[in-house]
Amino acid sequence: EWPTDPTFLPVGPDEQLLQQLKARGLMPVYRPYAD
């Protein structure tokens, strides 16, 4: 139970997606959220 809407709370990177992008030879640029 959360006293506030947690929908937009940052939880870190999607590691699976990150590895897929790297495997394709793409350079990731990470965009973190502030909270």
PDB file of all heavy atoms in Angstrom:
ATOM      1  N   GLU A   1       0.838  -1.203   0.000  1.00  0.00           N
ATOM      2  CA  GLU A   1       0.000   0.000   0.000  1.00  0.00           C
ATOM      3  C   GLU A   1       0.873   1.253   0.000  1.00  0.00           C
ATOM      4  O   GLU A   1       1.769   1.396   0.827  1.00  0.00           O
ATOM      5  CB  GLU A   1      -0.903  -0.003   1.229  1.00  0.00           C
ATOM      6  CG  GLU A   1      -1.867   1.174   1.276  1.00  0.00           C
ATOM      7  CD  GLU A   1      -2.688   1.182   2.555  1.00  0.00           C
ATOM      8  OE1 GLU A   1      -2.087   1.409   3.631  1.00  0.00           O
ATOM      9  OE2 GLU A   1      -3.895   0.944   2.480  1.00  0.00           O
ATOM     10  N   TRP A   2       0.595   2.169  -0.948  1.00  0.00           N
ATOM     11  CA  TRP A   2       1.344   3.411  -1.096  1.00  0.00           C
ATOM     12  C   TRP A   2       0.421   4.592  -0.818  1.00  0.00           C
ATOM     13  O   TRP A   2      -0.704   4.628  -1.335  1.00  0.00           O
ATOM     14  CB  TRP A   2       1.900   3.544  -2.517  1.00  0.00           C
ATOM     15  CG  TRP A   2       2.942   2.504  -2.863  1.00  0.00           C
ATOM     16  CD1 TRP A   2       2.729   1.183  -3.071  1.00  0.00           C
ATOM     17  CD2 TRP A   2       4.335   2.726  -3.021  1.00  0.00           C
ATOM     18  NE1 TRP A   2       3.905   0.546  -3.371  1.00  0.00           N
ATOM     19  CE2 TRP A   2       4.931   1.473  -3.347  1.00  0.00           C
ATOM     20  CE3 TRP A   2       5.155   3.841  -2.947  1.00  0.00           C
ATOM     21  CZ2 TRP A   2       6.277   1.322  -3.576  1.00  0.00           C
ATOM     22  CZ3 TRP A   2       6.510   3.700  -3.186  1.00  0.00           C
ATOM     23  CH2 TRP A   2       7.065   2.461  -3.483  1.00  0.00           C
ATOM     24  N   PRO A   3       0.873   5.571  -0.051  1.00  0.00           N
ATOM     25  CA  PRO A   3       0.019   6.722   0.245  1.00  0.00           C
ATOM     26  C   PRO A   3      -0.074   7.731  -0.901  1.00  0.00           C
ATOM     27  O   PRO A   3      -0.848   8.683  -0.837  1.00  0.00           O
ATOM     28  CB  PRO A   3       0.690   7.355   1.464  1.00  0.00           C
ATOM     29  CG  PRO A   3       2.130   7.011   1.295  1.00  0.00           C
ATOM     30  CD  PRO A   3       2.147   5.630   0.680  1.00  0.00           C
ATOM     31  N   THR A   4       0.724   7.542  -1.944  1.00  0.00           N
ATOM     32  CA  THR A   4       0.724   8.447  -3.101  1.00  0.00           C
ATOM     33  C   THR A   4       0.880   7.628  -4.367  1.00  0.00           C
ATOM     34  O   THR A   4       1.352   6.476  -4.327  1.00  0.00           O
ATOM     35  CB  THR A   4       1.870   9.478  -2.990  1.00  0.00           C
ATOM     36  OG1 THR A   4       1.772  10.408  -4.068  1.00  0.00           O
ATOM     37  CG2 THR A   4       3.236   8.806  -3.034  1.00  0.00           C
ATOM     38  N   ASP A   5       0.489   8.192  -5.477  1.00  0.00           N
ATOM     39  CA  ASP A   5       0.558   7.470  -6.747  1.00  0.00           C
ATOM     40  C   ASP A   5       2.018   7.222  -7.129  1.00  0.00           C
ATOM     41  O   ASP A   5       2.779   8.159  -7.378  1.00  0.00           O
ATOM     42  CB  ASP A   5      -0.138   8.290  -7.838  1.00  0.00           C
ATOM     43  CG  ASP A   5      -0.244   7.538  -9.158  1.00  0.00           C
ATOM     44  OD1 ASP A   5       0.288   6.419  -9.263  1.00  0.00           O
ATOM     45  OD2 ASP A   5      -0.870   8.083 -10.097  1.00  0.00           O
ATOM     46  N   PRO A   6       2.451   5.950  -7.198  1.00  0.00           N
ATOM     47  CA  PRO A   6       3.859   5.663  -7.497  1.00  0.00           C
ATOM     48  C   PRO A   6       4.145   5.461  -8.984  1.00  0.00           C
ATOM     49  O   PRO A   6       5.255   5.064  -9.348  1.00  0.00           O
ATOM     50  CB  PRO A   6       4.096   4.360  -6.734  1.00  0.00           C
ATOM     51  CG  PRO A   6       2.782   3.651  -6.849  1.00  0.00           C
ATOM     52  CD  PRO A   6       1.712   4.726  -6.860  1.00  0.00           C
ATOM     53  N   THR A   7       3.159   5.737  -9.835  1.00  0.00           N
ATOM     54  CA  THR A   7       3.292   5.410 -11.262  1.00  0.00           C
ATOM     55  C   THR A   7       4.568   5.970 -11.874  1.00  0.00           C
ATOM     56  O   THR A   7       5.253   5.298 -12.659  1.00  0.00           O
ATOM     57  CB  THR A   7       2.076   5.940 -12.045  1.00  0.00           C
ATOM     58  OG1 THR A   7       0.890   5.370 -11.509  1.00  0.00           O
ATOM     59  CG2 THR A   7       2.192   5.595 -13.522  1.00  0.00           C
ATOM     60  N   PHE A   8       4.916   7.212 -11.522  1.00  0.00           N
ATOM     61  CA  PHE A   8       6.039   7.881 -12.188  1.00  0.00           C
ATOM     62  C   PHE A   8       7.311   7.926 -11.332  1.00  0.00           C
ATOM     63  O   PHE A   8       8.226   8.703 -11.620  1.00  0.00           O
ATOM     64  CB  PHE A   8       5.621   9.295 -12.598  1.00  0.00           C
ATOM     65  CG  PHE A   8       4.463   9.306 -13.566  1.00  0.00           C
ATOM     66  CD1 PHE A   8       3.188   9.646 -13.144  1.00  0.00           C
ATOM     67  CD2 PHE A   8       4.658   8.928 -14.876  1.00  0.00           C
ATOM     68  CE1 PHE A   8       2.115   9.630 -14.025  1.00  0.00           C
ATOM     69  CE2 PHE A   8       3.592   8.912 -15.774  1.00  0.00           C
ATOM     70  CZ  PHE A   8       2.317   9.260 -15.350  1.00  0.00           C
ATOM     71  N   LEU A   9       7.390   7.093 -10.335  1.00  0.00           N
ATOM     72  CA  LEU A   9       8.623   7.019  -9.548  1.00  0.00           C
ATOM     73  C   LEU A   9       9.690   6.269 -10.347  1.00  0.00           C
ATOM     74  O   LEU A   9       9.430   5.173 -10.871  1.00  0.00           O
ATOM     75  CB  LEU A   9       8.377   6.299  -8.223  1.00  0.00           C
ATOM     76  CG  LEU A   9       7.562   7.062  -7.168  1.00  0.00           C
ATOM     77  CD1 LEU A   9       7.302   6.174  -5.961  1.00  0.00           C
ATOM     78  CD2 LEU A   9       8.295   8.330  -6.743  1.00  0.00           C
ATOM     79  N   PRO A  10      10.900   6.820 -10.469  1.00  0.00           N
ATOM     80  CA  PRO A  10      11.952   6.138 -11.249  1.00  0.00           C
ATOM     81  C   PRO A  10      12.449   4.880 -10.552  1.00  0.00           C
ATOM     82  O   PRO A  10      12.582   4.838  -9.325  1.00  0.00           O
ATOM     83  CB  PRO A  10      13.056   7.200 -11.343  1.00  0.00           C
ATOM     84  CG  PRO A  10      12.793   8.156 -10.227  1.00  0.00           C
ATOM     85  CD  PRO A  10      11.326   8.138  -9.970  1.00  0.00           C
ATOM     86  N   VAL A  11      12.699   3.847 -11.361  1.00  0.00           N
ATOM     87  CA  VAL A  11      13.123   2.553 -10.802  1.00  0.00           C
ATOM     88  C   VAL A  11      14.433   2.050 -11.407  1.00  0.00           C
ATOM     89  O   VAL A  11      14.795   0.885 -11.229  1.00  0.00           O
ATOM     90  CB  VAL A  11      12.025   1.491 -11.020  1.00  0.00           C
ATOM     91  CG1 VAL A  11      10.787   1.839 -10.234  1.00  0.00           C
ATOM     92  CG2 VAL A  11      11.711   1.311 -12.499  1.00  0.00           C
ATOM     93  N   GLY A  12      15.178   2.901 -12.134  1.00  0.00           N
ATOM     94  CA  GLY A  12      16.430   2.455 -12.723  1.00  0.00           C
ATOM     95  C   GLY A  12      16.257   2.008 -14.160  1.00  0.00           C
ATOM     96  O   GLY A  12      15.171   2.108 -14.740  1.00  0.00           O
ATOM     97  N   PRO A  13      17.305   1.490 -14.775  1.00  0.00           N
ATOM     98  CA  PRO A  13      17.260   1.151 -16.206  1.00  0.00           C
ATOM     99  C   PRO A  13      16.576  -0.184 -16.467  1.00  0.00           C
ATOM    100  O   PRO A  13      16.520  -1.060 -15.598  1.00  0.00           O
ATOM    101  CB  PRO A  13      18.745   1.084 -16.579  1.00  0.00           C
ATOM    102  CG  PRO A  13      19.415   0.645 -15.315  1.00  0.00           C
ATOM    103  CD  PRO A  13      18.644   1.284 -14.190  1.00  0.00           C
ATOM    104  N   ASP A  14      16.057  -0.324 -17.675  1.00  0.00           N
ATOM    105  CA  ASP A  14      15.573  -1.602 -18.170  1.00  0.00           C
ATOM    106  C   ASP A  14      16.790  -2.357 -18.711  1.00  0.00           C
ATOM    107  O   ASP A  14      17.201  -2.170 -19.861  1.00  0.00           O
ATOM    108  CB  ASP A  14      14.536  -1.367 -19.269  1.00  0.00           C
ATOM    109  CG  ASP A  14      13.943  -2.667 -19.815  1.00  0.00           C
ATOM    110  OD1 ASP A  14      14.494  -3.742 -19.516  1.00  0.00           O
ATOM    111  OD2 ASP A  14      12.948  -2.596 -20.560  1.00  0.00           O
ATOM    112  N   GLU A  15      17.361  -3.222 -17.863  1.00  0.00           N
ATOM    113  CA  GLU A  15      18.622  -3.874 -18.217  1.00  0.00           C
ATOM    114  C   GLU A  15      18.473  -4.777 -19.437  1.00  0.00           C
ATOM    115  O   GLU A  15      19.390  -4.882 -20.255  1.00  0.00           O
ATOM    116  CB  GLU A  15      19.142  -4.684 -17.022  1.00  0.00           C
ATOM    117  CG  GLU A  15      19.682  -3.835 -15.886  1.00  0.00           C
ATOM    118  CD  GLU A  15      21.004  -3.145 -16.237  1.00  0.00           C
ATOM    119  OE1 GLU A  15      21.585  -3.475 -17.301  1.00  0.00           O
ATOM    120  OE2 GLU A  15      21.443  -2.281 -15.467  1.00  0.00           O
ATOM    121  N   GLN A  16      17.329  -5.441 -19.573  1.00  0.00           N
ATOM    122  CA  GLN A  16      17.136  -6.322 -20.719  1.00  0.00           C
ATOM    123  C   GLN A  16      17.150  -5.526 -22.021  1.00  0.00           C
ATOM    124  O   GLN A  16      17.813  -5.912 -22.998  1.00  0.00           O
ATOM    125  CB  GLN A  16      15.826  -7.083 -20.566  1.00  0.00           C
ATOM    126  CG  GLN A  16      15.570  -8.066 -21.713  1.00  0.00           C
ATOM    127  CD  GLN A  16      14.275  -8.842 -21.535  1.00  0.00           C
ATOM    128  OE1 GLN A  16      13.591  -8.693 -20.523  1.00  0.00           O
ATOM    129  NE2 GLN A  16      13.926  -9.670 -22.519  1.00  0.00           N
ATOM    130  N   LEU A  17      16.436  -4.398 -22.035  1.00  0.00           N
ATOM    131  CA  LEU A  17      16.434  -3.549 -23.228  1.00  0.00           C
ATOM    132  C   LEU A  17      17.826  -3.002 -23.500  1.00  0.00           C
ATOM    133  O   LEU A  17      18.272  -2.950 -24.650  1.00  0.00           O
ATOM    134  CB  LEU A  17      15.441  -2.404 -23.039  1.00  0.00           C
ATOM    135  CG  LEU A  17      15.421  -1.339 -24.139  1.00  0.00           C
ATOM    136  CD1 LEU A  17      15.023  -1.940 -25.473  1.00  0.00           C
ATOM    137  CD2 LEU A  17      14.489  -0.190 -23.769  1.00  0.00           C
ATOM    138  N   LEU A  18      18.514  -2.606 -22.434  1.00  0.00           N
ATOM    139  CA  LEU A  18      19.863  -2.053 -22.596  1.00  0.00           C
ATOM    140  C   LEU A  18      20.782  -3.054 -23.279  1.00  0.00           C
ATOM    141  O   LEU A  18      21.529  -2.700 -24.206  1.00  0.00           O
ATOM    142  CB  LEU A  18      20.416  -1.656 -21.228  1.00  0.00           C
ATOM    143  CG  LEU A  18      21.834  -1.092 -21.216  1.00  0.00           C
ATOM    144  CD1 LEU A  18      21.892   0.248 -21.939  1.00  0.00           C
ATOM    145  CD2 LEU A  18      22.339  -0.930 -19.783  1.00  0.00           C
ATOM    146  N   GLN A  19      20.733  -4.297 -22.869  1.00  0.00           N
ATOM    147  CA  GLN A  19      21.603  -5.308 -23.466  1.00  0.00           C
ATOM    148  C   GLN A  19      21.216  -5.586 -24.912  1.00  0.00           C
ATOM    149  O   GLN A  19      22.082  -5.828 -25.760  1.00  0.00           O
ATOM    150  CB  GLN A  19      21.544  -6.600 -22.637  1.00  0.00           C
ATOM    151  CG  GLN A  19      22.082  -6.450 -21.219  1.00  0.00           C
ATOM    152  CD  GLN A  19      23.462  -5.811 -21.177  1.00  0.00           C
ATOM    153  OE1 GLN A  19      24.346  -6.138 -21.991  1.00  0.00           O
ATOM    154  NE2 GLN A  19      23.664  -4.894 -20.228  1.00  0.00           N
ATOM    155  N   GLN A  20      19.920  -5.530 -25.214  1.00  0.00           N
ATOM    156  CA  GLN A  20      19.482  -5.722 -26.604  1.00  0.00           C
ATOM    157  C   GLN A  20      20.022  -4.618 -27.503  1.00  0.00           C
ATOM    158  O   GLN A  20      20.491  -4.881 -28.620  1.00  0.00           O
ATOM    159  CB  GLN A  20      17.955  -5.750 -26.660  1.00  0.00           C
ATOM    160  CG  GLN A  20      17.317  -6.984 -26.064  1.00  0.00           C
ATOM    161  CD  GLN A  20      15.794  -6.896 -26.070  1.00  0.00           C
ATOM    162  OE1 GLN A  20      15.223  -5.847 -26.385  1.00  0.00           O
ATOM    163  NE2 GLN A  20      15.135  -7.995 -25.708  1.00  0.00           N
ATOM    164  N   LEU A  21      19.963  -3.383 -27.016  1.00  0.00           N
ATOM    165  CA  LEU A  21      20.443  -2.253 -27.816  1.00  0.00           C
ATOM    166  C   LEU A  21      21.950  -2.344 -28.035  1.00  0.00           C
ATOM    167  O   LEU A  21      22.453  -2.091 -29.136  1.00  0.00           O
ATOM    168  CB  LEU A  21      20.075  -0.944 -27.122  1.00  0.00           C
ATOM    169  CG  LEU A  21      18.569  -0.656 -26.987  1.00  0.00           C
ATOM    170  CD1 LEU A  21      18.344   0.602 -26.155  1.00  0.00           C
ATOM    171  CD2 LEU A  21      17.928  -0.510 -28.355  1.00  0.00           C
ATOM    172  N   LYS A  22      22.670  -2.698 -26.974  1.00  0.00           N
ATOM    173  CA  LYS A  22      24.124  -2.843 -27.111  1.00  0.00           C
ATOM    174  C   LYS A  22      24.475  -3.959 -28.077  1.00  0.00           C
ATOM    175  O   LYS A  22      25.423  -3.842 -28.877  1.00  0.00           O
ATOM    176  CB  LYS A  22      24.747  -3.106 -25.741  1.00  0.00           C
ATOM    177  CG  LYS A  22      24.811  -1.898 -24.832  1.00  0.00           C
ATOM    178  CD  LYS A  22      25.555  -2.235 -23.540  1.00  0.00           C
ATOM    179  CE  LYS A  22      25.758  -1.009 -22.681  1.00  0.00           C
ATOM    180  NZ  LYS A  22      26.503  -1.318 -21.425  1.00  0.00           N
ATOM    181  N   ALA A  23      23.701  -5.063 -28.023  1.00  0.00           N
ATOM    182  CA  ALA A  23      23.969  -6.186 -28.919  1.00  0.00           C
ATOM    183  C   ALA A  23      23.769  -5.799 -30.378  1.00  0.00           C
ATOM    184  O   ALA A  23      24.403  -6.367 -31.275  1.00  0.00           O
ATOM    185  CB  ALA A  23      23.066  -7.363 -28.554  1.00  0.00           C
ATOM    186  N   ARG A  24      22.907  -4.826 -30.633  1.00  0.00           N
ATOM    187  CA  ARG A  24      22.682  -4.340 -31.993  1.00  0.00           C
ATOM    188  C   ARG A  24      23.744  -3.345 -32.442  1.00  0.00           C
ATOM    189  O   ARG A  24      23.695  -2.832 -33.552  1.00  0.00           O
ATOM    190  CB  ARG A  24      21.309  -3.679 -32.099  1.00  0.00           C
ATOM    191  CG  ARG A  24      20.144  -4.645 -32.018  1.00  0.00           C
ATOM    192  CD  ARG A  24      18.825  -3.886 -32.116  1.00  0.00           C
ATOM    193  NE  ARG A  24      17.686  -4.776 -32.125  1.00  0.00           N
ATOM    194  CZ  ARG A  24      17.160  -5.334 -33.216  1.00  0.00           C
ATOM    195  NH1 ARG A  24      17.705  -5.076 -34.400  1.00  0.00           N
ATOM    196  NH2 ARG A  24      16.124  -6.135 -33.144  1.00  0.00           N
ATOM    197  N   GLY A  25      24.687  -3.026 -31.555  1.00  0.00           N
ATOM    198  CA  GLY A  25      25.739  -2.075 -31.899  1.00  0.00           C
ATOM    199  C   GLY A  25      25.345  -0.634 -31.700  1.00  0.00           C
ATOM    200  O   GLY A  25      26.001   0.268 -32.234  1.00  0.00           O
ATOM    201  N   LEU A  26      24.283  -0.400 -30.955  1.00  0.00           N
ATOM    202  CA  LEU A  26      23.823   0.961 -30.701  1.00  0.00           C
ATOM    203  C   LEU A  26      24.417   1.504 -29.409  1.00  0.00           C
ATOM    204  O   LEU A  26      24.580   0.766 -28.425  1.00  0.00           O
ATOM    205  CB  LEU A  26      22.294   0.994 -30.617  1.00  0.00           C
ATOM    206  CG  LEU A  26      21.565   0.724 -31.932  1.00  0.00           C
ATOM    207  CD1 LEU A  26      20.101   0.416 -31.678  1.00  0.00           C
ATOM    208  CD2 LEU A  26      21.705   1.922 -32.872  1.00  0.00           C
ATOM    209  N   MET A  27      24.736   2.772 -29.415  1.00  0.00           N
ATOM    210  CA  MET A  27      25.322   3.443 -28.254  1.00  0.00           C
ATOM    211  C   MET A  27      24.194   4.024 -27.401  1.00  0.00           C
ATOM    212  O   MET A  27      23.489   4.924 -27.827  1.00  0.00           O
ATOM    213  CB  MET A  27      26.261   4.562 -28.726  1.00  0.00           C
ATOM    214  CG  MET A  27      26.894   5.351 -27.605  1.00  0.00           C
ATOM    215  SD  MET A  27      27.574   6.910 -28.227  1.00  0.00           S
ATOM    216  CE  MET A  27      26.070   7.882 -28.406  1.00  0.00           C
ATOM    217  N   PRO A  28      24.014   3.521 -26.162  1.00  0.00           N
ATOM    218  CA  PRO A  28      22.931   4.054 -25.329  1.00  0.00           C
ATOM    219  C   PRO A  28      23.317   5.399 -24.694  1.00  0.00           C
ATOM    220  O   PRO A  28      24.449   5.600 -24.258  1.00  0.00           O
ATOM    221  CB  PRO A  28      22.744   2.983 -24.241  1.00  0.00           C
ATOM    222  CG  PRO A  28      23.618   1.835 -24.645  1.00  0.00           C
ATOM    223  CD  PRO A  28      24.679   2.386 -25.528  1.00  0.00           C
ATOM    224  N   VAL A  29      22.366   6.307 -24.689  1.00  0.00           N
ATOM    225  CA  VAL A  29      22.483   7.560 -23.952  1.00  0.00           C
ATOM    226  C   VAL A  29      21.407   7.511 -22.867  1.00  0.00           C
ATOM    227  O   VAL A  29      20.211   7.492 -23.180  1.00  0.00           O
ATOM    228  CB  VAL A  29      22.282   8.778 -24.870  1.00  0.00           C
ATOM    229  CG1 VAL A  29      22.298  10.074 -24.063  1.00  0.00           C
ATOM    230  CG2 VAL A  29      23.358   8.822 -25.948  1.00  0.00           C
ATOM    231  N   TYR A  30      21.822   7.457 -21.610  1.00  0.00           N
ATOM    232  CA  TYR A  30      20.885   7.237 -20.511  1.00  0.00           C
ATOM    233  C   TYR A  30      20.277   8.546 -20.050  1.00  0.00           C
ATOM    234  O   TYR A  30      20.983   9.548 -19.878  1.00  0.00           O
ATOM    235  CB  TYR A  30      21.612   6.562 -19.349  1.00  0.00           C
ATOM    236  CG  TYR A  30      20.694   6.070 -18.246  1.00  0.00           C
ATOM    237  CD1 TYR A  30      19.647   5.196 -18.533  1.00  0.00           C
ATOM    238  CD2 TYR A  30      20.880   6.472 -16.926  1.00  0.00           C
ATOM    239  CE1 TYR A  30      18.816   4.726 -17.525  1.00  0.00           C
ATOM    240  CE2 TYR A  30      20.056   6.005 -15.915  1.00  0.00           C
ATOM    241  CZ  TYR A  30      19.017   5.132 -16.225  1.00  0.00           C
ATOM    242  OH  TYR A  30      18.190   4.683 -15.229  1.00  0.00           O
ATOM    243  N   ARG A  31      18.956   8.547 -19.821  1.00  0.00           N
ATOM    244  CA  ARG A  31      18.231   9.738 -19.419  1.00  0.00           C
ATOM    245  C   ARG A  31      17.524   9.477 -18.084  1.00  0.00           C
ATOM    246  O   ARG A  31      16.365   9.019 -18.054  1.00  0.00           O
ATOM    247  CB  ARG A  31      17.226  10.138 -20.502  1.00  0.00           C
ATOM    248  CG  ARG A  31      17.866  10.324 -21.883  1.00  0.00           C
ATOM    249  CD  ARG A  31      17.043  11.220 -22.755  1.00  0.00           C
ATOM    250  NE  ARG A  31      16.970  12.557 -22.204  1.00  0.00           N
ATOM    251  CZ  ARG A  31      16.332  13.577 -22.788  1.00  0.00           C
ATOM    252  NH1 ARG A  31      15.705  13.379 -23.938  1.00  0.00           N
ATOM    253  NH2 ARG A  31      16.294  14.765 -22.221  1.00  0.00           N
ATOM    254  N   PRO A  32      18.189   9.743 -16.965  1.00  0.00           N
ATOM    255  CA  PRO A  32      17.587   9.478 -15.651  1.00  0.00           C
ATOM    256  C   PRO A  32      16.602  10.567 -15.248  1.00  0.00           C
ATOM    257  O   PRO A  32      16.699  11.717 -15.684  1.00  0.00           O
ATOM    258  CB  PRO A  32      18.795   9.466 -14.723  1.00  0.00           C
ATOM    259  CG  PRO A  32      19.760  10.409 -15.361  1.00  0.00           C
ATOM    260  CD  PRO A  32      19.559  10.256 -16.851  1.00  0.00           C
ATOM    261  N   TYR A  33      15.659  10.186 -14.392  1.00  0.00           N
ATOM    262  CA  TYR A  33      14.686  11.136 -13.856  1.00  0.00           C
ATOM    263  C   TYR A  33      15.106  11.571 -12.453  1.00  0.00           C
ATOM    264  O   TYR A  33      15.737  10.809 -11.710  1.00  0.00           O
ATOM    265  CB  TYR A  33      13.294  10.509 -13.788  1.00  0.00           C
ATOM    266  CG  TYR A  33      12.662  10.256 -15.127  1.00  0.00           C
ATOM    267  CD1 TYR A  33      12.465   8.959 -15.580  1.00  0.00           C
ATOM    268  CD2 TYR A  33      12.248  11.309 -15.935  1.00  0.00           C
ATOM    269  CE1 TYR A  33      11.874   8.717 -16.820  1.00  0.00           C
ATOM    270  CE2 TYR A  33      11.658  11.077 -17.168  1.00  0.00           C
ATOM    271  CZ  TYR A  33      11.483   9.778 -17.602  1.00  0.00           C
ATOM    272  OH  TYR A  33      10.902   9.547 -18.825  1.00  0.00           O
ATOM    273  N   ALA A  34      14.733  12.786 -12.113  1.00  0.00           N
ATOM    274  CA  ALA A  34      14.989  13.300 -10.770  1.00  0.00           C
ATOM    275  C   ALA A  34      13.712  13.181  -9.943  1.00  0.00           C
ATOM    276  O   ALA A  34      12.636  13.530 -10.413  1.00  0.00           O
ATOM    277  CB  ALA A  34      15.437  14.760 -10.833  1.00  0.00           C
ATOM    278  N   ASP A  35      13.855  12.679  -8.716  1.00  0.00           N
ATOM    279  CA  ASP A  35      12.727  12.609  -7.792  1.00  0.00           C
ATOM    280  C   ASP A  35      13.281  12.607  -6.376  1.00  0.00           C
ATOM    281  O   ASP A  35      14.144  11.780  -6.046  1.00  0.00           O
ATOM    282  CB  ASP A  35      11.886  11.353  -8.038  1.00  0.00           C
ATOM    283  CG  ASP A  35      10.522  11.453  -7.395  1.00  0.00           C
ATOM    284  OD1 ASP A  35      10.459  11.593  -6.148  1.00  0.00           O
ATOM    285  OD2 ASP A  35       9.517  11.394  -8.122  1.00  0.00           O
TER     286      ASP A  35
END
